[in-house]
């Protein structure tokens, strides 16, 4: 395991989660990653970092077969402006590179908003390095992260 994967996996386990690491090497698409993990794309959860303001971020978790909705997220948060940080800013905020980001073991424990489509499923999400994923029970993970569950995807 790399240091980042170890950090993500240990953070999940420290929260009492049964987390299972899987490796498959680099992939060209979410669909390819899902196939290699033996799951449907909807069960491969994307972790998106969103900037609310200077030095203020949150994680948004979205099923792999759905698109993140800016209007829904802005309405939920009651704000007019949100932005997606560039790769360097996302790394500084989380300690993870894009494509590997997970709320588990993040450099800062930002708030988490999860799309309702994740609830009740066994999911795979980023594990801190390219070509690796972490399987967790969605409901247990969302509870451990104190996630707010809402409809934030199209």
Protein backbone atom coordinates (compact mmCIF):
# COMPACT_ATOMS: atom_id res chain seq x y z
CA UNK A 1 0.00 0.00 0.00
CA UNK A 2 1.12 3.53 -0.59
CA UNK A 3 1.15 6.06 2.20
CA UNK A 4 -2.02 7.73 0.85
CA UNK A 5 -3.92 4.44 0.55
CA UNK A 6 -2.83 3.44 4.03
CA UNK A 7 -4.03 6.82 5.34
CA UNK A 8 -7.45 6.46 3.68
CA UNK A 9 -7.96 2.84 4.73
CA UNK A 10 -6.84 3.44 8.32
CA UNK A 11 -9.04 6.53 8.60
CA UNK A 12 -12.08 4.50 7.48
CA UNK A 13 -11.26 1.69 9.88
CA UNK A 14 -10.65 4.19 12.71
CA UNK A 15 -14.26 5.29 12.18
CA UNK A 16 -15.36 1.70 12.75
CA UNK A 17 -15.96 0.85 9.10
CA UNK A 18 -15.26 -2.46 7.45
CA UNK A 19 -13.27 -1.13 4.51
CA UNK A 20 -11.89 -3.40 1.82
CA UNK A 21 -9.12 -2.21 -0.48
CA UNK A 22 -9.08 -3.31 -4.10
CA UNK A 23 -6.41 -2.62 -6.73
CA UNK A 24 -6.68 -2.83 -10.50
CA UNK A 25 -4.16 -0.35 -11.89
CA UNK A 26 -4.83 2.84 -13.80
CA UNK A 27 -7.98 3.05 -15.90
CA UNK A 28 -9.25 5.29 -18.67
CA UNK A 29 -12.82 5.73 -17.42
CA UNK A 30 -15.20 5.32 -14.53
CA UNK A 31 -16.96 2.52 -16.43
CA UNK A 32 -13.68 0.65 -16.80
CA UNK A 33 -12.91 1.04 -13.09
CA UNK A 34 -16.40 -0.21 -12.18
CA UNK A 35 -16.03 -3.25 -14.44
CA UNK A 36 -12.64 -4.11 -12.94
CA UNK A 37 -14.12 -3.80 -9.44
CA UNK A 38 -17.04 -6.05 -10.45
CA UNK A 39 -19.73 -3.43 -9.79
CA UNK A 40 -22.19 -1.26 -11.68
CA UNK A 41 -21.07 2.33 -12.40
CA UNK A 42 -23.72 3.64 -9.97
CA UNK A 43 -21.90 1.88 -7.12
CA UNK A 44 -18.58 3.58 -7.87
CA UNK A 45 -18.99 6.83 -6.00
CA UNK A 46 -17.25 9.99 -7.20
CA UNK A 47 -15.88 12.32 -4.53
CA UNK A 48 -15.98 15.93 -5.73
CA UNK A 49 -14.31 18.79 -3.88
CA UNK A 50 -16.30 22.02 -3.98
CA UNK A 51 -15.11 25.44 -2.79
CA UNK A 52 -17.65 27.53 -0.90
CA UNK A 53 -15.25 30.36 -0.16
CA UNK A 54 -11.60 31.12 0.48
CA UNK A 55 -10.25 28.11 2.38
CA UNK A 56 -13.74 26.63 2.78
CA UNK A 57 -14.48 23.34 1.00
CA UNK A 58 -16.82 20.39 1.14
CA UNK A 59 -16.97 16.92 -0.32
CA UNK A 60 -19.87 15.92 -2.54
CA UNK A 61 -20.41 12.20 -3.09
CA UNK A 62 -22.25 11.24 -6.28
CA UNK A 63 -23.04 7.83 -7.82
CA UNK A 64 -20.86 7.12 -10.85
CA UNK A 65 -23.81 6.96 -13.24
CA UNK A 66 -25.12 10.41 -12.29
CA UNK A 67 -23.88 13.95 -12.82
CA UNK A 68 -23.33 16.39 -9.99
CA UNK A 69 -25.87 19.27 -10.09
CA UNK A 70 -24.59 22.77 -9.31
CA UNK A 71 -28.12 24.24 -9.08
CA UNK A 72 -29.27 21.57 -6.62
CA UNK A 73 -26.18 21.99 -4.46
CA UNK A 74 -26.46 25.80 -4.45
CA UNK A 75 -30.14 25.55 -3.47
CA UNK A 76 -29.35 23.05 -0.70
CA UNK A 77 -26.63 25.28 0.72
CA UNK A 78 -28.55 28.52 0.16
CA UNK A 79 -25.71 30.15 -1.76
CA UNK A 80 -25.36 31.73 -5.17
CA UNK A 81 -21.72 30.88 -5.85
CA UNK A 82 -19.72 27.70 -5.59
CA UNK A 83 -16.65 26.63 -7.53
CA UNK A 84 -14.57 23.59 -8.26
CA UNK A 85 -10.95 24.14 -7.25
CA UNK A 86 -8.17 23.38 -9.71
CA UNK A 87 -6.06 20.26 -9.19
CA UNK A 88 -3.41 21.99 -7.07
CA UNK A 89 -5.99 23.63 -4.82
CA UNK A 90 -7.90 20.34 -4.43
CA UNK A 91 -4.66 18.61 -3.44
CA UNK A 92 -3.85 21.34 -0.91
CA UNK A 93 -7.36 21.06 0.58
CA UNK A 94 -7.44 17.25 0.80
CA UNK A 95 -3.92 15.85 0.52
CA UNK A 96 -5.09 13.67 -2.40
CA UNK A 97 -4.71 14.00 -6.17
CA UNK A 98 -7.81 14.30 -8.34
CA UNK A 99 -9.07 10.87 -9.26
CA UNK A 100 -8.01 9.49 -5.87
CA UNK A 101 -9.85 11.84 -3.51
CA UNK A 102 -11.79 10.42 -0.59
CA UNK A 103 -13.12 12.06 2.57
CA UNK A 104 -11.33 9.35 4.57
CA UNK A 105 -7.98 10.62 5.77
CA UNK A 106 -8.35 14.00 4.11
CA UNK A 107 -5.83 16.63 5.22
CA UNK A 108 -8.84 18.52 6.61
CA UNK A 109 -12.14 16.80 7.53
CA UNK A 110 -14.42 18.93 5.34
CA UNK A 111 -18.22 18.52 5.54
CA UNK A 112 -19.72 15.81 3.34
CA UNK A 113 -22.89 15.98 1.26
CA UNK A 114 -23.97 12.70 -0.32
CA UNK A 115 -26.50 12.20 -3.06
CA UNK A 116 -29.50 10.18 -1.90
CA UNK A 117 -28.81 7.62 -4.65
CA UNK A 118 -25.93 6.24 -2.57
CA UNK A 119 -28.07 5.21 0.40
CA UNK A 120 -28.62 1.51 1.03
CA UNK A 121 -25.80 0.28 -1.17
CA UNK A 122 -22.35 -1.26 -0.94
CA UNK A 123 -20.14 1.24 -2.71
CA UNK A 124 -16.58 1.67 -3.88
CA UNK A 125 -14.87 5.02 -3.67
CA UNK A 126 -11.42 6.58 -3.95
CA UNK A 127 -8.70 5.16 -1.75
CA UNK A 128 -5.98 7.78 -2.06
CA UNK A 129 -4.14 6.51 -5.12
CA UNK A 130 -4.80 5.91 -8.81
CA UNK A 131 -5.93 2.40 -9.64
CA UNK A 132 -7.25 1.59 -6.18
CA UNK A 133 -10.65 1.72 -4.54
CA UNK A 134 -12.19 1.12 -1.16
CA UNK A 135 -15.41 -0.84 -0.66
CA UNK A 136 -17.63 0.27 2.23
CA UNK A 137 -21.25 0.00 3.28
CA UNK A 138 -22.70 3.34 2.17
CA UNK A 139 -25.02 3.85 5.12
CA UNK A 140 -22.26 3.12 7.65
CA UNK A 141 -19.81 5.38 5.78
CA UNK A 142 -22.28 8.26 5.54
CA UNK A 143 -23.08 7.99 9.25
CA UNK A 144 -19.38 7.84 10.18
CA UNK A 145 -18.67 10.94 8.06
CA UNK A 146 -21.68 12.82 9.43
CA UNK A 147 -22.80 13.29 5.84
CA UNK A 148 -25.86 15.29 4.88
CA UNK A 149 -27.90 13.21 2.43
CA UNK A 150 -29.82 15.09 -0.27
CA UNK A 151 -30.72 15.03 -3.95
CA UNK A 152 -27.66 16.72 -5.48
CA UNK A 153 -27.30 14.82 -8.76
CA UNK A 154 -29.04 14.64 -12.12
